[in-house]
C-alpha cells in the first residue's frame, strides 16, 4: 500500500465532508441481500410469543410463519433460518422428535415454500432443540457419541430437504457429518440441496438467550448443558478453525459459517482470506440482547449501533450475516 503524501497537501478529511463523497469512497457496503433472518418456531395455532431474553424477537407457529416473514420477503431478504422451540416435556434423551418428517421445522418449511417460493429456507440441523439434556448430539455412557449423532443428523437433513428446506445447516460440530450428509442427500436424489456448515462454532457464553428461545435452558440455574467443549471450539483458537473449515469444504460444504460474530471477526477474516469460499457469520442472541439492553437503557442509539455492528461483518469479509436485526436493517437500507 502506498502511503505517499503529507499534510497540508494531503488532507484525509476532504473525502469525509459530504455524505455523497463518503458513499463514493466507502470500502464496504451492506446490502439487504447480505441478510438472513433467524426465525423461532413453536407449536400451536396463531402463536406469536415474545422471547423473554430477546426483546422484539418472537416464536411463531407454522400457520402464521408465512405471514410473519412476508415483510422480510418483500424487502428482499433472501433467506430465513428456522429454529424450533421444544418444551422440556416434549423432549427425550435421544431427541427422537428431530427425526419426525412432520416435525415443526418440516411443517414450517412446507408453509414457507408454498407462500414464498422465492424465499430461501435454511434448516438448523442439530439435536439440541429436541434432547432433554440439550446437547447437540446423542449421549451414550455420559459422552456425546459422534457416530450415533451423525446418523440422526442425516435423517434430519433428508427430511428437511424433502420438506422444502433449500439449505441444511449442521450446527452440531460432530466430526465427519458434512461428508456423510452430502452422500446421503445425493443418494436420495437431493443434489440441489445445499449445505451451510457451522464450520467454526465456538463454545461461547453468548448463546444463552438463544437457548431460552428454543427451550434448552435446563437445570436449576437454567444455564443449559454445563459443557459443550468436547465438540464446540475453544475460544482461544483460530488455526483450529481453519482446519475445521478445510475439512468441511473437502467433505462437500457449499458454504461455511463462523459463530458467534462480533467477538470472532478475526476468524471470519482468516477464513475468507484463506479459502475464498462463501463465508457466513451469525450475530448470535447474546450479541443482539446486549445491544438491545443498552438501547432500552438509552445508552446506545438503536439504528447506529445496529448498522455499525453489521458493517463490521462485511469489513471482515463475510458474504452474509444471520442476524435478528435483519428486518429492521433492511427497512433502513431500503429507505436509503
C-alpha atoms as a PDB file:
ATOM      1  CA  UNK A   1       0.000   0.000   0.000  1.00  0.00           C
ATOM      2  CA  UNK A   2       1.297   3.445  -0.935  1.00  0.00           C
ATOM      3  CA  UNK A   3       1.326   5.837   1.991  1.00  0.00           C
ATOM      4  CA  UNK A   4       2.813   8.746  -0.016  1.00  0.00           C
ATOM      5  CA  UNK A   5       1.611  12.229   0.817  1.00  0.00           C
ATOM      6  CA  UNK A   6       1.715  14.524   3.780  1.00  0.00           C
ATOM      7  CA  UNK A   7      -0.192  17.404   5.290  1.00  0.00           C
ATOM      8  CA  UNK A   8      -1.126  20.006   4.082  1.00  0.00           C
ATOM      9  CA  UNK A   9      -1.084  18.656   0.526  1.00  0.00           C
ATOM     10  CA  UNK A  10      -2.884  15.526   1.651  1.00  0.00           C
ATOM     11  CA  UNK A  11      -5.991  16.176   3.755  1.00  0.00           C
ATOM     12  CA  UNK A  12      -7.848  12.965   4.605  1.00  0.00           C
ATOM     13  CA  UNK A  13     -10.895  14.897   5.763  1.00  0.00           C
ATOM     14  CA  UNK A  14     -11.650  16.124   2.224  1.00  0.00           C
ATOM     15  CA  UNK A  15     -13.293  12.813   1.330  1.00  0.00           C
ATOM     16  CA  UNK A  16     -15.338  12.802   4.535  1.00  0.00           C
ATOM     17  CA  UNK A  17     -17.019  16.182   4.277  1.00  0.00           C
ATOM     18  CA  UNK A  18     -20.190  15.184   2.344  1.00  0.00           C
ATOM     19  CA  UNK A  19     -22.497  12.185   2.559  1.00  0.00           C
ATOM     20  CA  UNK A  20     -22.232  11.599  -1.204  1.00  0.00           C
ATOM     21  CA  UNK A  21     -18.425  11.654  -1.083  1.00  0.00           C
ATOM     22  CA  UNK A  22     -18.365   9.239   1.821  1.00  0.00           C
ATOM     23  CA  UNK A  23     -20.612   6.926  -0.197  1.00  0.00           C
ATOM     24  CA  UNK A  24     -18.336   7.104  -3.219  1.00  0.00           C
ATOM     25  CA  UNK A  25     -15.190   6.175  -1.298  1.00  0.00           C
ATOM     26  CA  UNK A  26     -16.732   3.613   1.075  1.00  0.00           C
ATOM     27  CA  UNK A  27     -14.653   0.432   1.070  1.00  0.00           C
ATOM     28  CA  UNK A  28     -17.517  -1.827   2.140  1.00  0.00           C
ATOM     29  CA  UNK A  29     -21.282  -1.704   1.826  1.00  0.00           C
ATOM     30  CA  UNK A  30     -24.133  -3.534   3.486  1.00  0.00           C
ATOM     31  CA  UNK A  31     -26.992  -4.704   1.261  1.00  0.00           C
ATOM     32  CA  UNK A  32     -30.354  -6.287   2.005  1.00  0.00           C
ATOM     33  CA  UNK A  33     -29.115  -9.333   0.094  1.00  0.00           C
ATOM     34  CA  UNK A  34     -26.464  -9.875   2.775  1.00  0.00           C
ATOM     35  CA  UNK A  35     -29.048 -10.587   5.484  1.00  0.00           C
ATOM     36  CA  UNK A  36     -30.548 -13.846   6.739  1.00  0.00           C
ATOM     37  CA  UNK A  37     -33.319 -13.685   9.337  1.00  0.00           C
ATOM     38  CA  UNK A  38     -33.425 -16.385  12.042  1.00  0.00           C
ATOM     39  CA  UNK A  39     -36.995 -17.451  12.873  1.00  0.00           C
ATOM     40  CA  UNK A  40     -38.071 -19.287  16.034  1.00  0.00           C
ATOM     41  CA  UNK A  41     -40.964 -21.718  15.714  1.00  0.00           C
ATOM     42  CA  UNK A  42     -43.447 -23.007  18.272  1.00  0.00           C
ATOM     43  CA  UNK A  43     -46.349 -25.431  18.251  1.00  0.00           C
ATOM     44  CA  UNK A  44     -49.933 -24.252  18.298  1.00  0.00           C
ATOM     45  CA  UNK A  45     -52.217 -22.054  16.239  1.00  0.00           C
ATOM     46  CA  UNK A  46     -51.912 -18.317  15.803  1.00  0.00           C
ATOM     47  CA  UNK A  47     -48.939 -18.162  18.122  1.00  0.00           C
ATOM     48  CA  UNK A  48     -46.721 -15.069  18.315  1.00  0.00           C
ATOM     49  CA  UNK A  49     -44.854 -15.293  21.602  1.00  0.00           C
ATOM     50  CA  UNK A  50     -42.027 -12.930  22.541  1.00  0.00           C
ATOM     51  CA  UNK A  51     -38.766 -14.486  23.703  1.00  0.00           C
ATOM     52  CA  UNK A  52     -38.199 -13.018  27.198  1.00  0.00           C
ATOM     53  CA  UNK A  53     -34.448 -12.515  26.832  1.00  0.00           C
ATOM     54  CA  UNK A  54     -34.592 -11.194  23.256  1.00  0.00           C
ATOM     55  CA  UNK A  55     -36.681  -8.002  23.029  1.00  0.00           C
ATOM     56  CA  UNK A  56     -38.716  -7.846  19.847  1.00  0.00           C
ATOM     57  CA  UNK A  57     -37.998 -11.453  18.811  1.00  0.00           C
ATOM     58  CA  UNK A  58     -40.960 -13.818  18.508  1.00  0.00           C
ATOM     59  CA  UNK A  59     -41.679 -17.523  18.378  1.00  0.00           C
ATOM     60  CA  UNK A  60     -44.361 -18.183  15.768  1.00  0.00           C
ATOM     61  CA  UNK A  61     -46.461 -21.209  14.893  1.00  0.00           C
ATOM     62  CA  UNK A  62     -46.372 -22.798  11.418  1.00  0.00           C
ATOM     63  CA  UNK A  63     -49.804 -21.469  10.457  1.00  0.00           C
ATOM     64  CA  UNK A  64     -48.610 -17.857  10.759  1.00  0.00           C
ATOM     65  CA  UNK A  65     -44.955 -18.204   9.761  1.00  0.00           C
ATOM     66  CA  UNK A  66     -45.620 -17.242   6.136  1.00  0.00           C
ATOM     67  CA  UNK A  67     -47.384 -14.064   7.253  1.00  0.00           C
ATOM     68  CA  UNK A  68     -44.602 -13.413   9.775  1.00  0.00           C
ATOM     69  CA  UNK A  69     -41.902 -13.374   7.088  1.00  0.00           C
ATOM     70  CA  UNK A  70     -43.950 -11.568   4.420  1.00  0.00           C
ATOM     71  CA  UNK A  71     -42.305  -8.212   5.094  1.00  0.00           C
ATOM     72  CA  UNK A  72     -38.848  -9.782   5.032  1.00  0.00           C
ATOM     73  CA  UNK A  73     -39.573 -11.320   1.635  1.00  0.00           C
ATOM     74  CA  UNK A  74     -40.985  -8.036   0.320  1.00  0.00           C
ATOM     75  CA  UNK A  75     -37.897  -6.167   1.490  1.00  0.00           C
ATOM     76  CA  UNK A  76     -35.683  -8.548  -0.465  1.00  0.00           C
ATOM     77  CA  UNK A  77     -34.154 -10.504   2.397  1.00  0.00           C
ATOM     78  CA  UNK A  78     -33.016 -13.625   0.532  1.00  0.00           C
ATOM     79  CA  UNK A  79     -33.442 -16.298   3.197  1.00  0.00           C
ATOM     80  CA  UNK A  80     -34.721 -17.192   6.649  1.00  0.00           C
ATOM     81  CA  UNK A  81     -33.288 -19.771   9.043  1.00  0.00           C
ATOM     82  CA  UNK A  82     -35.637 -21.961  11.090  1.00  0.00           C
ATOM     83  CA  UNK A  83     -35.145 -22.954  14.738  1.00  0.00           C
ATOM     84  CA  UNK A  84     -37.835 -24.895  16.631  1.00  0.00           C
ATOM     85  CA  UNK A  85     -38.785 -24.320  20.256  1.00  0.00           C
ATOM     86  CA  UNK A  86     -39.428 -27.565  22.099  1.00  0.00           C
ATOM     87  CA  UNK A  87     -40.559 -27.537  25.745  1.00  0.00           C
ATOM     88  CA  UNK A  88     -38.758 -29.967  28.037  1.00  0.00           C
ATOM     89  CA  UNK A  89     -41.800 -32.200  28.459  1.00  0.00           C
ATOM     90  CA  UNK A  90     -41.797 -32.878  24.698  1.00  0.00           C
ATOM     91  CA  UNK A  91     -38.125 -33.938  24.591  1.00  0.00           C
ATOM     92  CA  UNK A  92     -36.334 -37.206  25.234  1.00  0.00           C
ATOM     93  CA  UNK A  93     -32.766 -38.438  25.684  1.00  0.00           C
ATOM     94  CA  UNK A  94     -32.177 -39.197  22.010  1.00  0.00           C
ATOM     95  CA  UNK A  95     -34.084 -36.246  20.563  1.00  0.00           C
ATOM     96  CA  UNK A  96     -36.352 -38.510  18.528  1.00  0.00           C
ATOM     97  CA  UNK A  97     -38.628 -35.590  17.627  1.00  0.00           C
ATOM     98  CA  UNK A  98     -35.860 -34.379  15.347  1.00  0.00           C
ATOM     99  CA  UNK A  99     -36.371 -37.445  13.149  1.00  0.00           C
ATOM    100  CA  UNK A 100     -40.091 -36.891  12.561  1.00  0.00           C
ATOM    101  CA  UNK A 101     -40.704 -35.907   8.902  1.00  0.00           C
ATOM    102  CA  UNK A 102     -43.698 -33.893  10.096  1.00  0.00           C
ATOM    103  CA  UNK A 103     -41.961 -32.033  12.905  1.00  0.00           C
ATOM    104  CA  UNK A 104     -42.170 -28.299  13.494  1.00  0.00           C
ATOM    105  CA  UNK A 105     -39.386 -27.329  11.104  1.00  0.00           C
ATOM    106  CA  UNK A 106     -40.708 -29.522   8.280  1.00  0.00           C
ATOM    107  CA  UNK A 107     -44.226 -28.124   8.575  1.00  0.00           C
ATOM    108  CA  UNK A 108     -42.952 -24.558   8.664  1.00  0.00           C
ATOM    109  CA  UNK A 109     -40.712 -25.171   5.647  1.00  0.00           C
ATOM    110  CA  UNK A 110     -43.639 -26.503   3.619  1.00  0.00           C
ATOM    111  CA  UNK A 111     -45.750 -23.495   4.579  1.00  0.00           C
ATOM    112  CA  UNK A 112     -42.994 -21.059   3.640  1.00  0.00           C
ATOM    113  CA  UNK A 113     -42.237 -22.617   0.266  1.00  0.00           C
ATOM    114  CA  UNK A 114     -45.937 -22.661  -0.604  1.00  0.00           C
ATOM    115  CA  UNK A 115     -46.408 -18.981   0.258  1.00  0.00           C
ATOM    116  CA  UNK A 116     -42.994 -17.578  -0.693  1.00  0.00           C
ATOM    117  CA  UNK A 117     -41.392 -19.882  -3.275  1.00  0.00           C
ATOM    118  CA  UNK A 118     -38.619 -17.390  -4.000  1.00  0.00           C
ATOM    119  CA  UNK A 119     -37.531 -17.109  -0.372  1.00  0.00           C
ATOM    120  CA  UNK A 120     -34.622 -19.311   0.687  1.00  0.00           C
ATOM    121  CA  UNK A 121     -35.257 -21.601   3.648  1.00  0.00           C
ATOM    122  CA  UNK A 122     -32.392 -22.752   5.865  1.00  0.00           C
ATOM    123  CA  UNK A 123     -32.945 -25.553   8.369  1.00  0.00           C
ATOM    124  CA  UNK A 124     -30.841 -25.880  11.516  1.00  0.00           C
ATOM    125  CA  UNK A 125     -29.579 -29.466  11.778  1.00  0.00           C
ATOM    126  CA  UNK A 126     -28.763 -30.302  15.401  1.00  0.00           C
ATOM    127  CA  UNK A 127     -30.360 -32.264  18.200  1.00  0.00           C
ATOM    128  CA  UNK A 128     -30.144 -29.683  20.993  1.00  0.00           C
ATOM    129  CA  UNK A 129     -33.655 -28.428  20.243  1.00  0.00           C
ATOM    130  CA  UNK A 130     -35.057 -31.921  20.821  1.00  0.00           C
ATOM    131  CA  UNK A 131     -32.895 -33.598  23.507  1.00  0.00           C
ATOM    132  CA  UNK A 132     -33.799 -33.474  27.184  1.00  0.00           C
ATOM    133  CA  UNK A 133     -30.136 -32.871  28.076  1.00  0.00           C
ATOM    134  CA  UNK A 134     -29.943 -30.115  25.401  1.00  0.00           C
ATOM    135  CA  UNK A 135     -26.718 -31.408  23.917  1.00  0.00           C
ATOM    136  CA  UNK A 136     -26.267 -31.204  20.148  1.00  0.00           C
ATOM    137  CA  UNK A 137     -25.927 -34.959  19.828  1.00  0.00           C
ATOM    138  CA  UNK A 138     -26.883 -38.344  21.240  1.00  0.00           C
ATOM    139  CA  UNK A 139     -25.386 -39.089  24.656  1.00  0.00           C
ATOM    140  CA  UNK A 140     -24.005 -42.572  25.304  1.00  0.00           C
ATOM    141  CA  UNK A 141     -22.204 -43.503  28.534  1.00  0.00           C
ATOM    142  CA  UNK A 142     -22.070 -39.891  29.587  1.00  0.00           C
ATOM    143  CA  UNK A 143     -20.493 -38.634  26.357  1.00  0.00           C
ATOM    144  CA  UNK A 144     -21.825 -37.203  23.110  1.00  0.00           C
ATOM    145  CA  UNK A 145     -21.428 -40.075  20.652  1.00  0.00           C
ATOM    146  CA  UNK A 146     -20.151 -38.801  17.320  1.00  0.00           C
ATOM    147  CA  UNK A 147     -21.293 -41.618  15.012  1.00  0.00           C
ATOM    148  CA  UNK A 148     -24.721 -42.058  16.595  1.00  0.00           C
ATOM    149  CA  UNK A 149     -25.272 -38.312  16.410  1.00  0.00           C
ATOM    150  CA  UNK A 150     -24.295 -38.170  12.727  1.00  0.00           C
ATOM    151  CA  UNK A 151     -26.845 -40.877  11.902  1.00  0.00           C
ATOM    152  CA  UNK A 152     -29.584 -38.699  13.393  1.00  0.00           C
ATOM    153  CA  UNK A 153     -28.312 -35.623  11.565  1.00  0.00           C
ATOM    154  CA  UNK A 154     -28.508 -37.468   8.250  1.00  0.00           C
ATOM    155  CA  UNK A 155     -32.163 -38.340   8.830  1.00  0.00           C
ATOM    156  CA  UNK A 156     -32.933 -34.756   9.824  1.00  0.00           C
ATOM    157  CA  UNK A 157     -31.223 -33.416   6.708  1.00  0.00           C
ATOM    158  CA  UNK A 158     -33.109 -35.713   4.336  1.00  0.00           C
ATOM    159  CA  UNK A 159     -36.446 -34.926   5.991  1.00  0.00           C
ATOM    160  CA  UNK A 160     -35.773 -31.197   5.821  1.00  0.00           C
ATOM    161  CA  UNK A 161     -34.748 -31.310   2.178  1.00  0.00           C
ATOM    162  CA  UNK A 162     -37.865 -33.267   1.233  1.00  0.00           C
ATOM    163  CA  UNK A 163     -39.995 -30.731   3.122  1.00  0.00           C
ATOM    164  CA  UNK A 164     -38.606 -27.876   1.039  1.00  0.00           C
ATOM    165  CA  UNK A 165     -35.571 -26.687   3.005  1.00  0.00           C
ATOM    166  CA  UNK A 166     -33.092 -25.308   0.475  1.00  0.00           C
ATOM    167  CA  UNK A 167     -30.031 -25.273   2.722  1.00  0.00           C
ATOM    168  CA  UNK A 168     -29.396 -27.706   5.555  1.00  0.00           C
ATOM    169  CA  UNK A 169     -27.164 -26.145   8.183  1.00  0.00           C
ATOM    170  CA  UNK A 170     -25.483 -28.643  10.528  1.00  0.00           C
ATOM    171  CA  UNK A 171     -24.671 -26.698  13.701  1.00  0.00           C
ATOM    172  CA  UNK A 172     -23.627 -29.646  15.850  1.00  0.00           C
ATOM    173  CA  UNK A 173     -19.840 -29.730  15.264  1.00  0.00           C
ATOM    174  CA  UNK A 174     -19.674 -33.527  15.026  1.00  0.00           C
ATOM    175  CA  UNK A 175     -16.708 -34.874  13.066  1.00  0.00           C
ATOM    176  CA  UNK A 176     -17.422 -36.133   9.548  1.00  0.00           C
ATOM    177  CA  UNK A 177     -21.032 -35.062   9.414  1.00  0.00           C
ATOM    178  CA  UNK A 178     -20.729 -32.916   6.280  1.00  0.00           C
ATOM    179  CA  UNK A 179     -19.429 -35.727   4.069  1.00  0.00           C
ATOM    180  CA  UNK A 180     -21.972 -38.187   5.450  1.00  0.00           C
ATOM    181  CA  UNK A 181     -24.879 -35.786   4.953  1.00  0.00           C
ATOM    182  CA  UNK A 182     -23.721 -34.899   1.432  1.00  0.00           C
ATOM    183  CA  UNK A 183     -23.511 -38.545   0.425  1.00  0.00           C
ATOM    184  CA  UNK A 184     -26.933 -39.289   1.894  1.00  0.00           C
ATOM    185  CA  UNK A 185     -28.587 -36.315   0.180  1.00  0.00           C
ATOM    186  CA  UNK A 186     -27.061 -37.277  -3.162  1.00  0.00           C
ATOM    187  CA  UNK A 187     -28.183 -40.879  -2.754  1.00  0.00           C
ATOM    188  CA  UNK A 188     -31.754 -39.594  -2.258  1.00  0.00           C
ATOM    189  CA  UNK A 189     -31.596 -37.515  -5.437  1.00  0.00           C
ATOM    190  CA  UNK A 190     -31.319 -34.307  -3.429  1.00  0.00           C
ATOM    191  CA  UNK A 191     -28.204 -32.977  -5.126  1.00  0.00           C
ATOM    192  CA  UNK A 192     -29.667 -29.468  -5.307  1.00  0.00           C
ATOM    193  CA  UNK A 193     -29.872 -29.183  -1.515  1.00  0.00           C
ATOM    194  CA  UNK A 194     -27.028 -27.047  -0.260  1.00  0.00           C
ATOM    195  CA  UNK A 195     -25.057 -27.456   2.961  1.00  0.00           C
ATOM    196  CA  UNK A 196     -24.139 -24.450   5.072  1.00  0.00           C
ATOM    197  CA  UNK A 197     -21.730 -25.832   7.628  1.00  0.00           C
ATOM    198  CA  UNK A 198     -21.334 -24.278  11.029  1.00  0.00           C
ATOM    199  CA  UNK A 199     -17.658 -24.980  10.463  1.00  0.00           C
ATOM    200  CA  UNK A 200     -16.184 -22.801  13.214  1.00  0.00           C
ATOM    201  CA  UNK A 201     -18.707 -22.797  16.043  1.00  0.00           C
ATOM    202  CA  UNK A 202     -17.227 -21.862  19.380  1.00  0.00           C
ATOM    203  CA  UNK A 203     -18.173 -22.979  22.890  1.00  0.00           C
ATOM    204  CA  UNK A 204     -19.403 -19.495  23.690  1.00  0.00           C
ATOM    205  CA  UNK A 205     -21.092 -17.769  26.580  1.00  0.00           C
ATOM    206  CA  UNK A 206     -23.069 -15.659  24.092  1.00  0.00           C
ATOM    207  CA  UNK A 207     -25.679 -18.344  23.327  1.00  0.00           C
ATOM    208  CA  UNK A 208     -27.805 -18.134  26.486  1.00  0.00           C
ATOM    209  CA  UNK A 209     -30.724 -16.083  25.050  1.00  0.00           C
ATOM    210  CA  UNK A 210     -30.893 -18.482  22.088  1.00  0.00           C
ATOM    211  CA  UNK A 211     -31.201 -21.424  24.468  1.00  0.00           C
ATOM    212  CA  UNK A 212     -34.070 -19.563  26.104  1.00  0.00           C
ATOM    213  CA  UNK A 213     -35.662 -19.113  22.677  1.00  0.00           C
ATOM    214  CA  UNK A 214     -35.525 -22.834  21.809  1.00  0.00           C
ATOM    215  CA  UNK A 215     -36.350 -24.129  25.309  1.00  0.00           C
ATOM    216  CA  UNK A 216     -32.919 -25.545  26.078  1.00  0.00           C
ATOM    217  CA  UNK A 217     -32.198 -23.751  29.336  1.00  0.00           C
ATOM    218  CA  UNK A 218     -32.062 -26.752  31.648  1.00  0.00           C
ATOM    219  CA  UNK A 219     -31.194 -27.373  35.274  1.00  0.00           C
ATOM    220  CA  UNK A 220     -31.819 -25.323  38.417  1.00  0.00           C
ATOM    221  CA  UNK A 221     -29.764 -22.382  37.117  1.00  0.00           C
ATOM    222  CA  UNK A 222     -31.334 -22.637  33.633  1.00  0.00           C
ATOM    223  CA  UNK A 223     -27.890 -22.484  32.079  1.00  0.00           C
ATOM    224  CA  UNK A 224     -28.224 -25.335  29.608  1.00  0.00           C
ATOM    225  CA  UNK A 225     -25.591 -28.050  29.360  1.00  0.00           C
ATOM    226  CA  UNK A 226     -22.624 -27.256  31.538  1.00  0.00           C
ATOM    227  CA  UNK A 227     -20.108 -28.223  28.897  1.00  0.00           C
ATOM    228  CA  UNK A 228     -20.227 -28.391  25.103  1.00  0.00           C
ATOM    229  CA  UNK A 229     -16.469 -28.070  24.910  1.00  0.00           C
ATOM    230  CA  UNK A 230     -15.940 -31.631  23.700  1.00  0.00           C
ATOM    231  CA  UNK A 231     -17.428 -30.707  20.331  1.00  0.00           C
ATOM    232  CA  UNK A 232     -17.639 -26.906  20.077  1.00  0.00           C
ATOM    233  CA  UNK A 233     -14.390 -24.992  19.623  1.00  0.00           C
ATOM    234  CA  UNK A 234     -12.131 -23.378  22.222  1.00  0.00           C
ATOM    235  CA  UNK A 235     -12.444 -19.555  22.010  1.00  0.00           C
ATOM    236  CA  UNK A 236      -8.648 -19.377  22.295  1.00  0.00           C
ATOM    237  CA  UNK A 237      -8.075 -20.997  18.888  1.00  0.00           C
ATOM    238  CA  UNK A 238      -8.073 -19.695  15.317  1.00  0.00           C
ATOM    239  CA  UNK A 239      -5.731 -22.102  13.490  1.00  0.00           C
ATOM    240  CA  UNK A 240      -8.091 -24.884  14.522  1.00  0.00           C
ATOM    241  CA  UNK A 241     -10.941 -23.007  12.831  1.00  0.00           C
ATOM    242  CA  UNK A 242      -9.062 -23.105   9.532  1.00  0.00           C
ATOM    243  CA  UNK A 243      -8.612 -26.865   9.850  1.00  0.00           C
ATOM    244  CA  UNK A 244     -12.330 -27.291  10.565  1.00  0.00           C
ATOM    245  CA  UNK A 245     -13.274 -25.192   7.545  1.00  0.00           C
ATOM    246  CA  UNK A 246     -10.832 -27.041   5.288  1.00  0.00           C
ATOM    247  CA  UNK A 247     -12.272 -30.394   6.319  1.00  0.00           C
ATOM    248  CA  UNK A 248     -15.885 -29.305   5.791  1.00  0.00           C
ATOM    249  CA  UNK A 249     -15.168 -27.835   2.369  1.00  0.00           C
ATOM    250  CA  UNK A 250     -13.356 -31.016   1.374  1.00  0.00           C
ATOM    251  CA  UNK A 251     -16.374 -33.047   2.503  1.00  0.00           C
ATOM    252  CA  UNK A 252     -18.771 -31.047   0.334  1.00  0.00           C
ATOM    253  CA  UNK A 253     -19.910 -27.966   2.250  1.00  0.00           C
ATOM    254  CA  UNK A 254     -21.215 -25.328  -0.154  1.00  0.00           C
ATOM    255  CA  UNK A 255     -20.737 -22.514   2.331  1.00  0.00           C
ATOM    256  CA  UNK A 256     -19.264 -22.172   5.814  1.00  0.00           C
ATOM    257  CA  UNK A 257     -20.155 -20.211   8.910  1.00  0.00           C
ATOM    258  CA  UNK A 258     -18.381 -18.676  11.883  1.00  0.00           C
ATOM    259  CA  UNK A 259     -20.347 -18.424  15.128  1.00  0.00           C
ATOM    260  CA  UNK A 260     -20.533 -16.178  17.203  1.00  0.00           C
ATOM    261  CA  UNK A 261     -19.937 -12.999  15.241  1.00  0.00           C
ATOM    262  CA  UNK A 262     -18.506  -9.794  16.680  1.00  0.00           C
ATOM    263  CA  UNK A 263     -16.120 -11.480  19.159  1.00  0.00           C
ATOM    264  CA  UNK A 264     -14.751 -13.604  16.276  1.00  0.00           C
ATOM    265  CA  UNK A 265     -14.237 -11.103  13.454  1.00  0.00           C
ATOM    266  CA  UNK A 266     -10.607 -12.205  13.213  1.00  0.00           C
ATOM    267  CA  UNK A 267     -11.774 -15.740  12.462  1.00  0.00           C
ATOM    268  CA  UNK A 268     -14.205 -14.516   9.809  1.00  0.00           C
ATOM    269  CA  UNK A 269     -11.382 -12.582   8.179  1.00  0.00           C
ATOM    270  CA  UNK A 270      -8.944 -15.506   8.253  1.00  0.00           C
ATOM    271  CA  UNK A 271     -11.488 -17.973   6.862  1.00  0.00           C
ATOM    272  CA  UNK A 272     -12.494 -15.728   3.970  1.00  0.00           C
ATOM    273  CA  UNK A 273      -8.906 -14.795   3.134  1.00  0.00           C
ATOM    274  CA  UNK A 274      -7.613 -18.366   3.343  1.00  0.00           C
ATOM    275  CA  UNK A 275     -10.336 -20.158   1.385  1.00  0.00           C
ATOM    276  CA  UNK A 276     -12.307 -17.594  -0.598  1.00  0.00           C
ATOM    277  CA  UNK A 277     -15.376 -19.789  -0.103  1.00  0.00           C
ATOM    278  CA  UNK A 278     -18.819 -18.326   0.668  1.00  0.00           C
ATOM    279  CA  UNK A 279     -18.408 -17.331   4.306  1.00  0.00           C
ATOM    280  CA  UNK A 280     -21.269 -16.506   6.645  1.00  0.00           C
ATOM    281  CA  UNK A 281     -21.367 -15.257  10.194  1.00  0.00           C
ATOM    282  CA  UNK A 282     -24.016 -15.462  12.907  1.00  0.00           C
ATOM    283  CA  UNK A 283     -24.640 -12.388  15.028  1.00  0.00           C
ATOM    284  CA  UNK A 284     -25.853 -14.533  17.895  1.00  0.00           C
ATOM    285  CA  UNK A 285     -28.505 -13.979  20.518  1.00  0.00           C
ATOM    286  CA  UNK A 286     -26.128 -12.685  23.173  1.00  0.00           C
ATOM    287  CA  UNK A 287     -24.804 -10.037  20.812  1.00  0.00           C
ATOM    288  CA  UNK A 288     -28.348  -8.985  19.915  1.00  0.00           C
ATOM    289  CA  UNK A 289     -29.559  -8.938  23.513  1.00  0.00           C
ATOM    290  CA  UNK A 290     -26.562  -6.929  24.756  1.00  0.00           C
ATOM    291  CA  UNK A 291     -27.184  -4.244  22.159  1.00  0.00           C
ATOM    292  CA  UNK A 292     -30.922  -4.212  22.838  1.00  0.00           C
ATOM    293  CA  UNK A 293     -30.384  -3.983  26.605  1.00  0.00           C
ATOM    294  CA  UNK A 294     -28.162  -0.936  26.124  1.00  0.00           C
ATOM    295  CA  UNK A 295     -30.681   0.568  23.692  1.00  0.00           C
ATOM    296  CA  UNK A 296     -33.527   0.085  26.165  1.00  0.00           C
ATOM    297  CA  UNK A 297     -31.497   1.917  28.823  1.00  0.00           C
ATOM    298  CA  UNK A 298     -30.750   4.778  26.492  1.00  0.00           C
ATOM    299  CA  UNK A 299     -27.026   4.008  26.420  1.00  0.00           C
ATOM    300  CA  UNK A 300     -26.884   3.296  22.674  1.00  0.00           C
ATOM    301  CA  UNK A 301     -28.741   4.592  19.634  1.00  0.00           C
ATOM    302  CA  UNK A 302     -30.526   1.578  18.156  1.00  0.00           C
ATOM    303  CA  UNK A 303     -30.064   2.246  14.454  1.00  0.00           C
ATOM    304  CA  UNK A 304     -26.481   3.464  14.663  1.00  0.00           C
ATOM    305  CA  UNK A 305     -25.314   0.588  16.837  1.00  0.00           C
ATOM    306  CA  UNK A 306     -27.188  -1.964  14.732  1.00  0.00           C
ATOM    307  CA  UNK A 307     -25.834  -0.787  11.387  1.00  0.00           C
ATOM    308  CA  UNK A 308     -22.308  -0.336  12.692  1.00  0.00           C
ATOM    309  CA  UNK A 309     -22.274  -3.865  14.068  1.00  0.00           C
ATOM    310  CA  UNK A 310     -23.467  -5.252  10.723  1.00  0.00           C
ATOM    311  CA  UNK A 311     -20.948  -3.423   8.545  1.00  0.00           C
ATOM    312  CA  UNK A 312     -18.202  -4.873  10.758  1.00  0.00           C
ATOM    313  CA  UNK A 313     -19.046  -8.324   9.404  1.00  0.00           C
ATOM    314  CA  UNK A 314     -18.788  -7.126   5.837  1.00  0.00           C
ATOM    315  CA  UNK A 315     -15.478  -5.412   6.569  1.00  0.00           C
ATOM    316  CA  UNK A 316     -14.154  -8.672   7.990  1.00  0.00           C
ATOM    317  CA  UNK A 317     -15.092 -10.461   4.745  1.00  0.00           C
ATOM    318  CA  UNK A 318     -18.444 -12.131   5.395  1.00  0.00           C
ATOM    319  CA  UNK A 319     -20.672 -12.787   2.395  1.00  0.00           C
ATOM    320  CA  UNK A 320     -23.790 -12.899   4.535  1.00  0.00           C
ATOM    321  CA  UNK A 321     -24.994 -12.363   8.080  1.00  0.00           C
ATOM    322  CA  UNK A 322     -27.537 -14.225  10.168  1.00  0.00           C
ATOM    323  CA  UNK A 323     -28.988 -11.513  12.388  1.00  0.00           C
ATOM    324  CA  UNK A 324     -32.125 -10.886  14.412  1.00  0.00           C
ATOM    325  CA  UNK A 325     -31.854  -7.286  13.194  1.00  0.00           C
ATOM    326  CA  UNK A 326     -32.418  -8.360   9.574  1.00  0.00           C
ATOM    327  CA  UNK A 327     -35.835  -6.787   9.021  1.00  0.00           C
ATOM    328  CA  UNK A 328     -35.018  -3.571  10.885  1.00  0.00           C
ATOM    329  CA  UNK A 329     -31.763  -3.212   8.977  1.00  0.00           C
ATOM    330  CA  UNK A 330     -33.468  -3.950   5.658  1.00  0.00           C
ATOM    331  CA  UNK A 331     -36.011  -1.201   6.298  1.00  0.00           C
ATOM    332  CA  UNK A 332     -33.232   1.320   6.832  1.00  0.00           C
ATOM    333  CA  UNK A 333     -31.328   0.146   3.771  1.00  0.00           C
ATOM    334  CA  UNK A 334     -34.433   0.366   1.593  1.00  0.00           C
ATOM    335  CA  UNK A 335     -35.187   3.837   2.921  1.00  0.00           C
ATOM    336  CA  UNK A 336     -31.693   4.941   1.937  1.00  0.00           C
END
